Amino acid sequence: MKKNLLISILMTVVTTVLFGLIYPLVVTGLAQLIFPDKANGQLVHRNGAVVGSRIIGQPFNGPKYFHSRPSAAGNGYDAGASSGSNLGPTSSKLVQRVKDSVAQLQAENPGRPIPVDLVTTSGSGLDPHISPDSAEFQVPRVARERGLSEAAVRAAVTRHTEGLQFGVLGAPRVNVLELNLDLDSLGTKQAELNQN
């Protein structure tokens, strides 16, 4: 009996040290060496400050920015509460939220069909991408608010449109953070040209 108890305690200590300490440290160290950007959350820096992550959505509310998908994660884009709304298609709360979003978007672009991902949340609530159709829907507003041509804004959308993963998986998508940062830098370059 004592022998079995001693073996049990020893196995618990050994497996705890091996799988609870050594293994995570080795995996973390390898990730830092081989994939440092991905291991650290693919953070995006501008002027020495972190402005977001390529893989976590965030809200953009100003009219000169492309807007992300709606988020149901916590209070919106809360990485600590990643989830969908869990509201079913017959939920009056969901139907009202979608109707409100549709009304707001129809006021922005009357008569144009509204892409579904601009009025529905993703499963995680943290999707950093929108569809190319959603980006195209927002081009007139963004161009008007930034004082840029629609062609210049469309060119930025094209630069940030990612194709299918491995050529077969998923759907084409546009990273909203990277697109908005590109447009911010484009506006800065345009202002510098106007000054010279």
C-alpha atoms as a PDB file:
ATOM      1  CA  MET A   1       0.000   0.000   0.000  1.00  0.00           C
ATOM      2  CA  LYS A   2       2.779   2.466   0.912  1.00  0.00           C
ATOM      3  CA  LYS A   3       4.626   1.514  -2.252  1.00  0.00           C
ATOM      4  CA  ASN A   4       1.551   2.233  -4.425  1.00  0.00           C
ATOM      5  CA  LEU A   5       0.948   5.573  -2.673  1.00  0.00           C
ATOM      6  CA  LEU A   6       4.600   6.579  -3.143  1.00  0.00           C
ATOM      7  CA  ILE A   7       4.458   5.641  -6.853  1.00  0.00           C
ATOM      8  CA  SER A   8       1.222   7.642  -7.273  1.00  0.00           C
ATOM      9  CA  ILE A   9       2.698  10.748  -5.648  1.00  0.00           C
ATOM     10  CA  LEU A  10       5.932  10.422  -7.629  1.00  0.00           C
ATOM     11  CA  MET A  11       4.012  10.010 -10.948  1.00  0.00           C
ATOM     12  CA  THR A  12       1.883  13.051 -10.133  1.00  0.00           C
ATOM     13  CA  VAL A  13       4.966  15.174  -9.438  1.00  0.00           C
ATOM     14  CA  VAL A  14       6.846  13.919 -12.514  1.00  0.00           C
ATOM     15  CA  THR A  15       3.905  14.364 -14.937  1.00  0.00           C
ATOM     16  CA  THR A  16       3.074  17.780 -13.470  1.00  0.00           C
ATOM     17  CA  VAL A  17       6.647  18.992 -13.967  1.00  0.00           C
ATOM     18  CA  LEU A  18       6.955  17.359 -17.399  1.00  0.00           C
ATOM     19  CA  PHE A  19       3.587  18.295 -18.913  1.00  0.00           C
ATOM     20  CA  GLY A  20       2.710  21.352 -16.834  1.00  0.00           C
ATOM     21  CA  LEU A  21       6.078  23.109 -16.926  1.00  0.00           C
ATOM     22  CA  ILE A  22       8.698  21.673 -19.285  1.00  0.00           C
ATOM     23  CA  TYR A  23       6.425  20.894 -22.261  1.00  0.00           C
ATOM     24  CA  PRO A  24       4.701  24.349 -22.321  1.00  0.00           C
ATOM     25  CA  LEU A  25       8.072  26.104 -21.993  1.00  0.00           C
ATOM     26  CA  VAL A  26       9.556  24.095 -24.883  1.00  0.00           C
ATOM     27  CA  VAL A  27       6.520  24.700 -27.131  1.00  0.00           C
ATOM     28  CA  THR A  28       6.462  28.415 -26.259  1.00  0.00           C
ATOM     29  CA  GLY A  29      10.206  28.726 -26.881  1.00  0.00           C
ATOM     30  CA  LEU A  30       9.966  26.965 -30.250  1.00  0.00           C
ATOM     31  CA  ALA A  31       7.023  29.135 -31.276  1.00  0.00           C
ATOM     32  CA  GLN A  32       8.980  32.275 -30.355  1.00  0.00           C
ATOM     33  CA  LEU A  33      11.961  31.091 -32.412  1.00  0.00           C
ATOM     34  CA  ILE A  34      10.122  29.766 -35.468  1.00  0.00           C
ATOM     35  CA  PHE A  35       6.975  31.947 -35.643  1.00  0.00           C
ATOM     36  CA  PRO A  36       7.547  35.016 -33.418  1.00  0.00           C
ATOM     37  CA  ASP A  37       4.897  37.176 -35.117  1.00  0.00           C
ATOM     38  CA  LYS A  38       2.195  34.519 -34.836  1.00  0.00           C
ATOM     39  CA  ALA A  39       3.222  33.482 -31.326  1.00  0.00           C
ATOM     40  CA  ASN A  40       2.739  37.067 -30.149  1.00  0.00           C
ATOM     41  CA  GLY A  41      -0.728  37.586 -31.625  1.00  0.00           C
ATOM     42  CA  GLN A  42       0.242  39.134 -34.985  1.00  0.00           C
ATOM     43  CA  LEU A  43       0.196  42.608 -33.452  1.00  0.00           C
ATOM     44  CA  VAL A  44       0.244  45.627 -35.746  1.00  0.00           C
ATOM     45  CA  HIS A  45       2.455  48.547 -34.699  1.00  0.00           C
ATOM     46  CA  ARG A  46       2.290  52.146 -35.932  1.00  0.00           C
ATOM     47  CA  ASN A  47       4.655  54.835 -34.664  1.00  0.00           C
ATOM     48  CA  GLY A  48       5.866  52.553 -31.880  1.00  0.00           C
ATOM     49  CA  ALA A  49       2.387  51.786 -30.529  1.00  0.00           C
ATOM     50  CA  VAL A  50       0.242  48.674 -30.897  1.00  0.00           C
ATOM     51  CA  VAL A  51      -2.887  49.576 -32.864  1.00  0.00           C
ATOM     52  CA  GLY A  52      -4.438  46.125 -33.137  1.00  0.00           C
ATOM     53  CA  SER A  53      -3.981  42.575 -34.283  1.00  0.00           C
ATOM     54  CA  ARG A  54      -4.279  41.067 -37.748  1.00  0.00           C
ATOM     55  CA  ILE A  55      -6.320  38.184 -36.314  1.00  0.00           C
ATOM     56  CA  ILE A  56      -8.685  39.935 -33.856  1.00  0.00           C
ATOM     57  CA  GLY A  57     -11.453  42.205 -35.084  1.00  0.00           C
ATOM     58  CA  GLN A  58     -12.040  45.627 -33.604  1.00  0.00           C
ATOM     59  CA  PRO A  59     -14.653  48.326 -34.085  1.00  0.00           C
ATOM     60  CA  PHE A  60     -14.217  51.218 -36.500  1.00  0.00           C
ATOM     61  CA  ASN A  61     -17.004  53.726 -36.042  1.00  0.00           C
ATOM     62  CA  GLY A  62     -15.972  56.864 -37.901  1.00  0.00           C
ATOM     63  CA  PRO A  63     -17.470  57.459 -41.350  1.00  0.00           C
ATOM     64  CA  LYS A  64     -14.014  57.625 -42.976  1.00  0.00           C
ATOM     65  CA  TYR A  65     -13.244  54.046 -41.924  1.00  0.00           C
ATOM     66  CA  PHE A  66     -14.362  50.714 -43.301  1.00  0.00           C
ATOM     67  CA  HIS A  67     -16.545  49.097 -40.658  1.00  0.00           C
ATOM     68  CA  SER A  68     -16.040  45.574 -39.378  1.00  0.00           C
ATOM     69  CA  ARG A  69     -18.675  42.896 -38.984  1.00  0.00           C
ATOM     70  CA  PRO A  70     -20.923  43.365 -35.963  1.00  0.00           C
ATOM     71  CA  SER A  71     -19.644  41.552 -32.876  1.00  0.00           C
ATOM     72  CA  ALA A  72     -21.542  39.705 -30.166  1.00  0.00           C
ATOM     73  CA  ALA A  73     -18.406  38.969 -28.103  1.00  0.00           C
ATOM     74  CA  GLY A  74     -18.895  40.557 -24.686  1.00  0.00           C
ATOM     75  CA  ASN A  75     -19.450  44.268 -25.224  1.00  0.00           C
ATOM     76  CA  GLY A  76     -18.172  43.868 -28.766  1.00  0.00           C
ATOM     77  CA  TYR A  77     -14.812  42.514 -29.906  1.00  0.00           C
ATOM     78  CA  ASP A  78     -14.000  41.378 -26.352  1.00  0.00           C
ATOM     79  CA  ALA A  79     -11.365  38.656 -26.813  1.00  0.00           C
ATOM     80  CA  GLY A  80     -12.029  37.455 -23.268  1.00  0.00           C
ATOM     81  CA  ALA A  81     -15.655  36.689 -24.170  1.00  0.00           C
ATOM     82  CA  SER A  82     -15.324  35.301 -27.695  1.00  0.00           C
ATOM     83  CA  SER A  83     -18.612  33.868 -28.886  1.00  0.00           C
ATOM     84  CA  GLY A  84     -21.588  34.433 -31.099  1.00  0.00           C
ATOM     85  CA  SER A  85     -24.861  35.776 -29.764  1.00  0.00           C
ATOM     86  CA  ASN A  86     -26.491  32.312 -29.618  1.00  0.00           C
ATOM     87  CA  LEU A  87     -29.724  33.925 -30.837  1.00  0.00           C
ATOM     88  CA  GLY A  88     -31.757  31.725 -33.187  1.00  0.00           C
ATOM     89  CA  PRO A  89     -33.357  32.834 -36.466  1.00  0.00           C
ATOM     90  CA  THR A  90     -36.746  33.260 -34.763  1.00  0.00           C
ATOM     91  CA  SER A  91     -35.359  35.503 -32.003  1.00  0.00           C
ATOM     92  CA  SER A  92     -37.117  38.871 -32.018  1.00  0.00           C
ATOM     93  CA  LYS A  93     -33.997  40.477 -30.531  1.00  0.00           C
ATOM     94  CA  LEU A  94     -31.852  39.203 -33.433  1.00  0.00           C
ATOM     95  CA  VAL A  95     -34.442  40.197 -36.039  1.00  0.00           C
ATOM     96  CA  GLN A  96     -34.661  43.731 -34.580  1.00  0.00           C
ATOM     97  CA  ARG A  97     -30.859  44.117 -34.458  1.00  0.00           C
ATOM     98  CA  VAL A  98     -30.562  43.046 -38.110  1.00  0.00           C
ATOM     99  CA  LYS A  99     -33.426  45.366 -39.135  1.00  0.00           C
ATOM    100  CA  ASP A 100     -31.726  48.295 -37.378  1.00  0.00           C
ATOM    101  CA  SER A 101     -28.429  47.506 -39.120  1.00  0.00           C
ATOM    102  CA  VAL A 102     -30.155  47.193 -42.500  1.00  0.00           C
ATOM    103  CA  ALA A 103     -31.928  50.543 -42.026  1.00  0.00           C
ATOM    104  CA  GLN A 104     -28.659  52.272 -41.135  1.00  0.00           C
ATOM    105  CA  LEU A 105     -26.838  50.759 -44.130  1.00  0.00           C
ATOM    106  CA  GLN A 106     -29.692  51.538 -46.536  1.00  0.00           C
ATOM    107  CA  ALA A 107     -29.443  55.186 -45.507  1.00  0.00           C
ATOM    108  CA  GLU A 108     -25.739  55.038 -46.389  1.00  0.00           C
ATOM    109  CA  ASN A 109     -26.255  53.446 -49.825  1.00  0.00           C
ATOM    110  CA  PRO A 110     -29.944  53.611 -50.854  1.00  0.00           C
ATOM    111  CA  GLY A 111     -31.093  50.931 -53.257  1.00  0.00           C
ATOM    112  CA  ARG A 112     -27.946  48.815 -53.053  1.00  0.00           C
ATOM    113  CA  PRO A 113     -28.119  45.221 -51.820  1.00  0.00           C
ATOM    114  CA  ILE A 114     -26.535  44.882 -48.389  1.00  0.00           C
ATOM    115  CA  PRO A 115     -23.953  42.114 -47.955  1.00  0.00           C
ATOM    116  CA  VAL A 116     -25.059  39.714 -45.232  1.00  0.00           C
ATOM    117  CA  ASP A 117     -21.794  39.915 -43.279  1.00  0.00           C
ATOM    118  CA  LEU A 118     -22.394  43.631 -42.573  1.00  0.00           C
ATOM    119  CA  VAL A 119     -25.521  42.778 -40.564  1.00  0.00           C
ATOM    120  CA  THR A 120     -24.650  39.387 -39.025  1.00  0.00           C
ATOM    121  CA  THR A 121     -22.043  38.480 -36.437  1.00  0.00           C
ATOM    122  CA  SER A 122     -19.426  35.787 -36.903  1.00  0.00           C
ATOM    123  CA  GLY A 123     -19.291  32.671 -34.743  1.00  0.00           C
ATOM    124  CA  SER A 124     -16.402  34.043 -32.689  1.00  0.00           C
ATOM    125  CA  GLY A 125     -17.475  37.686 -32.661  1.00  0.00           C
ATOM    126  CA  LEU A 126     -13.831  38.542 -33.369  1.00  0.00           C
ATOM    127  CA  ASP A 127     -13.621  38.172 -37.156  1.00  0.00           C
ATOM    128  CA  PRO A 128     -11.040  40.676 -38.478  1.00  0.00           C
ATOM    129  CA  HIS A 129     -12.278  40.322 -42.065  1.00  0.00           C
ATOM    130  CA  ILE A 130     -15.192  41.392 -44.214  1.00  0.00           C
ATOM    131  CA  SER A 131     -16.114  40.090 -47.641  1.00  0.00           C
ATOM    132  CA  PRO A 132     -14.984  41.984 -50.757  1.00  0.00           C
ATOM    133  CA  ASP A 133     -18.692  42.754 -51.364  1.00  0.00           C
ATOM    134  CA  SER A 134     -18.921  44.394 -47.925  1.00  0.00           C
ATOM    135  CA  ALA A 135     -15.837  46.459 -48.682  1.00  0.00           C
ATOM    136  CA  GLU A 136     -17.253  47.480 -52.082  1.00  0.00           C
ATOM    137  CA  PHE A 137     -20.510  48.516 -50.392  1.00  0.00           C
ATOM    138  CA  GLN A 138     -18.573  50.920 -48.145  1.00  0.00           C
ATOM    139  CA  VAL A 139     -16.286  52.391 -50.856  1.00  0.00           C
ATOM    140  CA  PRO A 140     -18.496  55.418 -51.759  1.00  0.00           C
ATOM    141  CA  ARG A 141     -18.810  56.552 -48.113  1.00  0.00           C
ATOM    142  CA  VAL A 142     -15.124  56.091 -47.318  1.00  0.00           C
ATOM    143  CA  ALA A 143     -14.021  57.843 -50.533  1.00  0.00           C
ATOM    144  CA  ARG A 144     -16.381  60.769 -49.904  1.00  0.00           C
ATOM    145  CA  GLU A 145     -15.336  61.172 -46.250  1.00  0.00           C
ATOM    146  CA  ARG A 146     -11.614  60.975 -47.034  1.00  0.00           C
ATOM    147  CA  GLY A 147     -11.764  63.196 -50.106  1.00  0.00           C
ATOM    148  CA  LEU A 148     -10.298  60.407 -52.249  1.00  0.00           C
ATOM    149  CA  SER A 149     -11.488  59.006 -55.544  1.00  0.00           C
ATOM    150  CA  GLU A 150     -13.484  55.800 -55.423  1.00  0.00           C
ATOM    151  CA  ALA A 151     -10.834  54.275 -57.720  1.00  0.00           C
ATOM    152  CA  ALA A 152      -8.098  54.976 -55.145  1.00  0.00           C
ATOM    153  CA  VAL A 153     -10.159  53.432 -52.364  1.00  0.00           C
ATOM    154  CA  ARG A 154     -11.022  50.402 -54.536  1.00  0.00           C
ATOM    155  CA  ALA A 155      -7.314  49.962 -55.288  1.00  0.00           C
ATOM    156  CA  ALA A 156      -6.640  49.841 -51.538  1.00  0.00           C
ATOM    157  CA  VAL A 157      -9.406  47.246 -51.128  1.00  0.00           C
ATOM    158  CA  THR A 158      -7.836  45.168 -53.908  1.00  0.00           C
ATOM    159  CA  ARG A 159      -4.405  45.366 -52.228  1.00  0.00           C
ATOM    160  CA  HIS A 160      -5.872  43.988 -49.014  1.00  0.00           C
ATOM    161  CA  THR A 161      -8.115  41.310 -50.494  1.00  0.00           C
ATOM    162  CA  GLU A 162      -6.831  37.876 -49.547  1.00  0.00           C
ATOM    163  CA  GLY A 163      -7.720  34.884 -51.712  1.00  0.00           C
ATOM    164  CA  LEU A 164      -8.684  31.374 -50.720  1.00  0.00           C
ATOM    165  CA  GLN A 165      -6.427  29.752 -48.145  1.00  0.00           C
ATOM    166  CA  PHE A 166      -4.207  27.160 -49.869  1.00  0.00           C
ATOM    167  CA  GLY A 167      -6.161  27.994 -53.019  1.00  0.00           C
ATOM    168  CA  VAL A 168      -9.245  26.002 -51.944  1.00  0.00           C
ATOM    169  CA  LEU A 169     -10.356  26.847 -48.377  1.00  0.00           C
ATOM    170  CA  GLY A 170     -12.611  29.641 -47.190  1.00  0.00           C
ATOM    171  CA  ALA A 171     -13.663  32.657 -49.203  1.00  0.00           C
ATOM    172  CA  PRO A 172     -11.946  35.848 -50.377  1.00  0.00           C
ATOM    173  CA  ARG A 173     -11.722  38.363 -47.527  1.00  0.00           C
ATOM    174  CA  VAL A 174     -10.461  41.834 -46.649  1.00  0.00           C
ATOM    175  CA  ASN A 175      -8.615  42.578 -43.395  1.00  0.00           C
ATOM    176  CA  VAL A 176     -10.361  45.696 -42.059  1.00  0.00           C
ATOM    177  CA  LEU A 177      -7.545  46.905 -39.778  1.00  0.00           C
ATOM    178  CA  GLU A 178      -4.873  46.677 -42.467  1.00  0.00           C
ATOM    179  CA  LEU A 179      -7.150  48.355 -45.032  1.00  0.00           C
ATOM    180  CA  ASN A 180      -7.960  51.264 -42.703  1.00  0.00           C
ATOM    181  CA  LEU A 181      -4.295  51.734 -41.783  1.00  0.00           C
ATOM    182  CA  ASP A 182      -3.365  51.737 -45.468  1.00  0.00           C
ATOM    183  CA  LEU A 183      -5.988  54.414 -46.152  1.00  0.00           C
ATOM    184  CA  ASP A 184      -4.725  56.473 -43.186  1.00  0.00           C
ATOM    185  CA  SER A 185      -1.185  56.371 -44.597  1.00  0.00           C
ATOM    186  CA  LEU A 186      -2.535  57.149 -48.093  1.00  0.00           C
ATOM    187  CA  GLY A 187      -4.272  60.218 -46.666  1.00  0.00           C
ATOM    188  CA  THR A 188      -1.021  61.279 -44.960  1.00  0.00           C
ATOM    189  CA  LYS A 189       0.913  60.922 -48.225  1.00  0.00           C
ATOM    190  CA  GLN A 190      -1.773  62.904 -50.075  1.00  0.00           C
ATOM    191  CA  ALA A 191      -1.591  65.693 -47.472  1.00  0.00           C
ATOM    192  CA  GLU A 192       2.202  65.810 -47.835  1.00  0.00           C
ATOM    193  CA  LEU A 193       1.893  66.063 -51.623  1.00  0.00           C
ATOM    194  CA  ASN A 194      -0.646  68.887 -51.272  1.00  0.00           C
ATOM    195  CA  GLN A 195       1.757  70.814 -49.013  1.00  0.00           C
ATOM    196  CA  ASN A 196       4.629  70.554 -51.514  1.00  0.00           C
END
